[in-house]
Amino acid sequence: MRVWTHADHPFPLPERHRYPLAKYALLRDAVLAHGLATRADTPAEISWEALLRVHDRAFLERMRTGALDRRESRVLGLPWSPELVERARRGTRGTLRAARDALDGQTIGVMLGGGTHHAGRASARGYCLFNDLAVTTTELRREGRLRRVLVVDCDVHQGDGTAELLTPDPEAYTLSLQCERNYPFTRIPSDLDVELPTGTGDDLYLSSLERALAIAVRESRPEIVLYLAGADPWEGDDLGRLSLTKAGLLARDELVLDAALAAGVPVVVTLAGGYPPDVHDGVEINLATVRAAAARARPLPSP
């Protein structure tokens, strides 16, 4: 199995922003050390033309030049830099490349990052610059690869940007499970939102997910599943407010992967959010997700 990952170049970020990004290099190294992937590739940047097929032109120009106003900077949550924009463009292309892997015979494609579900048509929110899920959907359709897409968003925060971009699309279906009292506090409705009380643990979460998946797969009849395996429902997460154990998160991953594969549908795994006090907890959770994916993936065909 091949995985896609972010480039390893430094970012001019304050320490509080630098810490969550430290996870990705550690995770890539762990994935390779555990033999879960044969390759970890850094994608090229997605084109501005591809982004323009999803996002507003004036918004993209502000992101390209750094001409964000004070409110835009605040809701993004990260200080703008050319390196940040490059990273987001590479991550968006990484999700697209993982989707091509899944469709080209690997069954499951993995992006060690991605899941930028707060980015809307004309806004960057919650650390998300561009919506990789909507861009991937649009590009695969342009390539004639598929029409019907199911997004299964298991980040603890509702995927408001994805809902804005894909819920009006009759051939896309958005399922989001989230903590009911958590960011974003103004929801944009998904096709199916599952609001979970603060403190929800493994049993209620998994039973709610199982019911929602059955509905979503039946109603969407997907040709691909875009899965956001957020680590932030974990009981120790700083921003989560749910109480899943690490074993519960793994059971969640297995439930989503098995439901898709049982329906004969390839899966793209993205990692979305995760804000543990110790970065190594985030690596452990994400590594378990990749392990579950690797156990179910088929080898890529020879070039």
Protein backbone atom coordinates (compact mmCIF):
# COMPACT_ATOMS: atom_id res chain seq x y z
CA MET A 1 0.00 0.00 0.00
CA ARG A 2 1.16 3.51 -0.81
CA VAL A 3 0.31 6.49 1.41
CA TRP A 4 0.39 10.19 0.67
CA THR A 5 1.83 12.70 3.10
CA HIS A 6 2.80 16.32 3.61
CA ALA A 7 6.22 17.75 2.75
CA ASP A 8 8.74 18.16 5.56
CA HIS A 9 9.63 21.83 5.35
CA PRO A 10 9.52 24.29 8.27
CA PHE A 11 6.67 26.74 8.71
CA PRO A 12 6.87 30.23 10.19
CA LEU A 13 4.29 29.42 12.87
CA PRO A 14 4.06 30.27 16.56
CA GLU A 15 4.83 27.36 18.89
CA ARG A 16 1.17 26.71 19.73
CA HIS A 17 0.43 26.13 16.04
CA ARG A 18 3.63 24.21 15.34
CA TYR A 19 2.89 21.45 17.83
CA PRO A 20 -0.10 19.79 16.05
CA LEU A 21 1.81 19.76 12.75
CA ALA A 22 4.68 17.83 14.37
CA LYS A 23 2.51 14.73 14.27
CA TYR A 24 2.67 14.20 10.52
CA ALA A 25 6.39 13.47 10.15
CA LEU A 26 6.26 11.18 13.19
CA LEU A 27 3.26 9.36 11.75
CA ARG A 28 4.81 8.91 8.32
CA ASP A 29 7.94 7.43 9.88
CA ALA A 30 5.88 5.12 12.10
CA VAL A 31 3.76 3.90 9.17
CA LEU A 32 6.90 2.97 7.22
CA ALA A 33 8.68 1.49 10.24
CA HIS A 34 5.72 -0.80 10.95
CA GLY A 35 5.65 -1.96 7.33
CA LEU A 36 2.13 -0.64 6.76
CA ALA A 37 3.05 1.05 3.49
CA THR A 38 5.62 0.40 0.83
CA ARG A 39 5.88 4.10 -0.08
CA ALA A 40 5.09 7.48 1.44
CA ASP A 41 4.90 10.06 -1.34
CA THR A 42 4.54 13.83 -1.15
CA PRO A 43 2.21 15.05 -3.90
CA ALA A 44 2.69 18.08 -6.09
CA GLU A 45 0.45 21.07 -5.43
CA ILE A 46 -3.10 20.97 -6.73
CA SER A 47 -3.60 23.52 -9.50
CA TRP A 48 -5.37 26.81 -8.88
CA GLU A 49 -7.67 25.85 -11.75
CA ALA A 50 -8.82 22.75 -9.87
CA LEU A 51 -9.42 24.82 -6.74
CA LEU A 52 -11.40 27.33 -8.79
CA ARG A 53 -13.84 24.61 -9.81
CA VAL A 54 -14.89 24.42 -6.13
CA HIS A 55 -13.94 27.72 -4.48
CA ASP A 56 -14.75 31.37 -5.16
CA ARG A 57 -12.28 33.20 -7.41
CA ALA A 58 -11.90 36.29 -5.19
CA PHE A 59 -11.41 34.09 -2.12
CA LEU A 60 -8.67 32.10 -3.88
CA GLU A 61 -6.92 35.31 -4.90
CA ARG A 62 -6.89 36.47 -1.27
CA MET A 63 -5.50 33.10 -0.20
CA ARG A 64 -2.87 33.19 -2.96
CA THR A 65 -1.63 36.68 -2.06
CA GLY A 66 -2.25 36.70 1.68
CA ALA A 67 -4.76 39.56 1.44
CA LEU A 68 -7.01 38.18 4.20
CA ASP A 69 -8.90 40.64 6.32
CA ARG A 70 -8.86 40.46 10.11
CA ARG A 71 -12.01 38.34 10.33
CA GLU A 72 -10.78 35.84 7.71
CA SER A 73 -7.50 35.45 9.56
CA ARG A 74 -9.32 34.90 12.83
CA VAL A 75 -11.70 32.22 11.56
CA LEU A 76 -8.89 30.43 9.71
CA GLY A 77 -7.04 30.13 13.03
CA LEU A 78 -3.56 30.04 11.46
CA PRO A 79 -1.27 32.88 10.37
CA TRP A 80 -1.11 33.09 6.58
CA SER A 81 2.15 32.28 4.79
CA PRO A 82 3.09 31.05 1.31
CA GLU A 83 4.29 27.81 2.92
CA LEU A 84 0.91 27.26 4.57
CA VAL A 85 -0.85 27.69 1.22
CA GLU A 86 1.60 25.30 -0.44
CA ARG A 87 1.01 22.73 2.28
CA ALA A 88 -2.76 22.99 1.83
CA ARG A 89 -2.48 22.63 -1.94
CA ARG A 90 -0.25 19.57 -1.58
CA GLY A 91 -2.61 18.04 0.98
CA THR A 92 -5.59 18.56 -1.31
CA ARG A 93 -3.80 16.81 -4.15
CA GLY A 94 -2.77 14.05 -1.74
CA THR A 95 -6.41 13.21 -1.07
CA LEU A 96 -7.08 13.14 -4.82
CA ARG A 97 -4.11 10.84 -5.39
CA ALA A 98 -5.29 8.54 -2.58
CA ALA A 99 -8.70 8.38 -4.26
CA ARG A 100 -7.10 7.38 -7.54
CA ASP A 101 -5.18 4.66 -5.70
CA ALA A 102 -8.41 3.32 -4.24
CA LEU A 103 -10.10 3.30 -7.64
CA ASP A 104 -7.10 1.83 -9.43
CA GLY A 105 -7.12 -1.46 -7.54
CA GLN A 106 -5.79 -0.76 -4.07
CA THR A 107 -9.35 -0.72 -2.63
CA ILE A 108 -8.27 1.75 0.07
CA GLY A 109 -6.22 4.91 -0.43
CA VAL A 110 -4.68 6.81 2.46
CA MET A 111 -3.73 10.47 2.91
CA LEU A 112 -1.81 11.10 6.15
CA GLY A 113 -3.63 14.38 6.65
CA GLY A 114 -6.49 15.87 4.68
CA GLY A 115 -10.12 15.94 5.73
CA THR A 116 -10.23 19.75 5.58
CA HIS A 117 -13.97 19.83 6.11
CA HIS A 118 -14.43 23.38 7.44
CA ALA A 119 -13.30 25.08 4.22
CA GLY A 120 -16.30 26.49 2.34
CA ARG A 121 -16.77 27.98 -1.08
CA ALA A 122 -15.51 31.44 -0.11
CA SER A 123 -14.06 30.94 3.35
CA ALA A 124 -11.20 29.20 5.14
CA ARG A 125 -12.24 28.12 8.62
CA GLY A 126 -10.95 26.04 11.50
CA TYR A 127 -7.41 25.41 10.14
CA CYS A 128 -8.87 24.37 6.75
CA LEU A 129 -7.85 26.40 3.69
CA PHE A 130 -9.32 24.36 0.82
CA ASN A 131 -11.88 21.56 0.90
CA ASP A 132 -10.03 18.46 -0.30
CA LEU A 133 -13.21 16.36 -0.23
CA ALA A 134 -15.13 18.60 -2.62
CA VAL A 135 -12.09 19.10 -4.87
CA THR A 136 -11.49 15.34 -5.05
CA THR A 137 -15.14 14.74 -5.91
CA THR A 138 -15.06 17.35 -8.67
CA GLU A 139 -11.80 16.13 -10.21
CA LEU A 140 -12.79 12.45 -10.22
CA ARG A 141 -15.99 13.36 -12.00
CA ARG A 142 -14.09 15.41 -14.57
CA GLU A 143 -11.93 12.35 -15.18
CA GLY A 144 -15.05 10.26 -15.74
CA ARG A 145 -14.16 7.98 -12.83
CA LEU A 146 -17.46 8.16 -10.93
CA ARG A 147 -20.54 10.22 -10.06
CA ARG A 148 -21.86 9.17 -6.66
CA VAL A 149 -19.83 9.97 -3.53
CA LEU A 150 -20.44 9.32 0.16
CA VAL A 151 -18.58 11.39 2.76
CA VAL A 152 -18.41 9.74 6.20
CA ASP A 153 -17.15 12.42 8.58
CA CYS A 154 -16.12 11.07 11.99
CA ASP A 155 -14.19 14.12 13.10
CA VAL A 156 -15.67 15.37 16.39
CA HIS A 157 -16.57 18.70 14.74
CA GLN A 158 -19.32 19.02 12.16
CA GLY A 159 -18.16 19.24 8.54
CA ASP A 160 -19.80 22.57 7.78
CA GLY A 161 -17.70 23.39 4.71
CA THR A 162 -18.33 19.98 3.16
CA ALA A 163 -22.03 20.37 3.89
CA GLU A 164 -22.05 23.75 2.17
CA LEU A 165 -20.29 22.44 -0.92
CA LEU A 166 -21.65 18.90 -1.32
CA THR A 167 -25.03 18.61 0.40
CA PRO A 168 -26.83 20.50 -2.43
CA ASP A 169 -25.27 18.02 -4.89
CA PRO A 170 -27.82 15.27 -5.65
CA GLU A 171 -25.05 12.74 -6.37
CA ALA A 172 -23.10 13.41 -3.18
CA TYR A 173 -24.18 12.36 0.30
CA THR A 174 -22.72 13.86 3.48
CA LEU A 175 -22.85 11.99 6.79
CA SER A 176 -21.34 13.71 9.83
CA LEU A 177 -21.12 12.48 13.44
CA GLN A 178 -20.18 15.17 15.93
CA CYS A 179 -20.37 16.41 19.48
CA GLU A 180 -23.55 18.47 19.71
CA ARG A 181 -21.97 21.23 21.81
CA ASN A 182 -18.79 21.90 19.91
CA TYR A 183 -17.40 23.90 17.00
CA PRO A 184 -18.83 25.02 14.60
CA PHE A 185 -21.63 26.47 16.69
CA THR A 186 -23.64 27.43 13.59
CA ARG A 187 -24.25 24.28 11.57
CA ILE A 188 -24.70 23.98 7.82
CA PRO A 189 -26.88 20.86 7.56
CA SER A 190 -25.40 17.68 6.12
CA ASP A 191 -27.60 15.08 4.44
CA LEU A 192 -27.42 13.23 7.75
CA ASP A 193 -26.09 14.80 10.94
CA VAL A 194 -25.73 12.71 14.10
CA GLU A 195 -25.45 14.97 17.15
CA LEU A 196 -23.88 13.20 20.14
CA PRO A 197 -24.04 14.43 23.74
CA THR A 198 -20.91 15.61 25.50
CA GLY A 199 -19.18 12.63 27.13
CA THR A 200 -20.52 10.03 24.66
CA GLY A 201 -18.49 6.82 24.96
CA ASP A 202 -17.76 3.83 22.78
CA ASP A 203 -21.07 1.98 22.93
CA LEU A 204 -23.41 4.85 22.05
CA TYR A 205 -21.02 6.19 19.44
CA LEU A 206 -20.61 2.87 17.64
CA SER A 207 -24.30 2.00 17.68
CA SER A 208 -25.15 5.48 16.35
CA LEU A 209 -22.54 5.16 13.62
CA GLU A 210 -23.72 1.71 12.59
CA ARG A 211 -27.31 2.93 12.16
CA ALA A 212 -26.22 6.04 10.28
CA LEU A 213 -23.95 4.09 7.94
CA ALA A 214 -26.75 1.72 7.00
CA ILE A 215 -28.95 4.69 6.06
CA ALA A 216 -26.20 6.56 4.22
CA VAL A 217 -25.00 3.60 2.14
CA ARG A 218 -28.55 2.67 1.21
CA GLU A 219 -29.57 6.19 0.22
CA SER A 220 -26.36 7.25 -1.53
CA ARG A 221 -25.45 4.05 -3.44
CA PRO A 222 -21.86 5.37 -3.50
CA GLU A 223 -19.09 4.61 -5.94
CA ILE A 224 -16.48 5.79 -3.42
CA VAL A 225 -16.43 6.63 0.31
CA LEU A 226 -14.40 9.59 1.56
CA TYR A 227 -13.74 8.81 5.22
CA LEU A 228 -12.58 11.38 7.80
CA ALA A 229 -11.03 9.36 10.63
CA GLY A 230 -10.71 12.19 13.13
CA ALA A 231 -8.71 11.37 16.26
CA ASP A 232 -10.49 14.07 18.25
CA PRO A 233 -13.43 11.99 19.60
CA TRP A 234 -10.77 10.43 21.88
CA GLU A 235 -11.43 10.90 25.59
CA GLY A 236 -8.11 12.70 26.11
CA ASP A 237 -8.43 15.21 23.28
CA ASP A 238 -8.18 18.89 24.19
CA LEU A 239 -10.94 19.98 21.79
CA GLY A 240 -13.14 16.90 21.55
CA ARG A 241 -15.64 16.63 24.45
CA LEU A 242 -16.48 13.03 23.60
CA SER A 243 -15.13 10.02 25.52
CA LEU A 244 -14.11 7.33 23.06
CA THR A 245 -11.24 5.07 24.04
CA LYS A 246 -8.47 4.21 21.61
CA ALA A 247 -10.05 0.78 21.22
CA GLY A 248 -13.36 2.48 20.43
CA LEU A 249 -11.75 4.63 17.76
CA LEU A 250 -10.24 1.55 16.14
CA ALA A 251 -13.63 -0.19 16.23
CA ARG A 252 -15.09 2.90 14.53
CA ASP A 253 -12.49 2.72 11.76
CA GLU A 254 -13.13 -0.97 11.21
CA LEU A 255 -16.89 -0.39 11.13
CA VAL A 256 -16.62 2.26 8.40
CA LEU A 257 -14.07 0.36 6.31
CA ASP A 258 -15.97 -2.92 6.52
CA ALA A 259 -19.31 -1.32 5.71
CA ALA A 260 -17.88 0.26 2.57
CA LEU A 261 -16.04 -2.84 1.42
CA ALA A 262 -19.08 -5.04 2.10
CA ALA A 263 -20.96 -2.79 -0.32
CA GLY A 264 -18.16 -3.18 -2.87
CA VAL A 265 -17.07 0.45 -2.56
CA PRO A 266 -13.46 1.70 -2.41
CA VAL A 267 -12.49 4.00 0.46
CA VAL A 268 -10.26 7.05 0.86
CA VAL A 269 -8.97 7.54 4.40
CA THR A 270 -8.12 11.06 5.58
CA LEU A 271 -7.20 11.92 9.15
CA ALA A 272 -8.89 15.29 9.82
CA GLY A 273 -8.52 16.61 13.40
CA GLY A 274 -6.84 15.51 16.59
CA TYR A 275 -5.53 17.67 19.44
CA PRO A 276 -4.15 15.47 22.23
CA PRO A 277 -1.93 16.97 24.94
CA ASP A 278 0.81 14.51 23.96
CA VAL A 279 1.47 14.31 20.21
CA HIS A 280 2.39 10.62 20.55
CA ASP A 281 -1.23 9.79 21.45
CA GLY A 282 -2.29 11.30 18.13
CA VAL A 283 0.34 9.27 16.30
CA GLU A 284 -0.85 6.08 18.04
CA ILE A 285 -4.49 6.70 17.12
CA ASN A 286 -3.71 7.55 13.49
CA LEU A 287 -1.31 4.62 13.20
CA ALA A 288 -4.10 2.25 14.28
CA THR A 289 -6.31 3.74 11.55
CA VAL A 290 -3.64 3.13 8.91
CA ARG A 291 -3.10 -0.40 10.23
CA ALA A 292 -6.81 -1.14 9.80
CA ALA A 293 -6.69 0.26 6.26
CA ALA A 294 -3.55 -1.68 5.34
CA ALA A 295 -5.11 -4.94 6.52
CA ARG A 296 -7.95 -4.44 4.03
CA ALA A 297 -6.09 -2.96 1.03
CA ARG A 298 -5.00 -4.86 -2.04
CA PRO A 299 -1.60 -4.19 -3.65
CA LEU A 300 -1.41 -1.62 -6.39
CA PRO A 301 -1.02 -3.10 -9.86
CA SER A 302 2.47 -3.04 -11.33
CA PRO A 303 3.25 0.12 -13.35
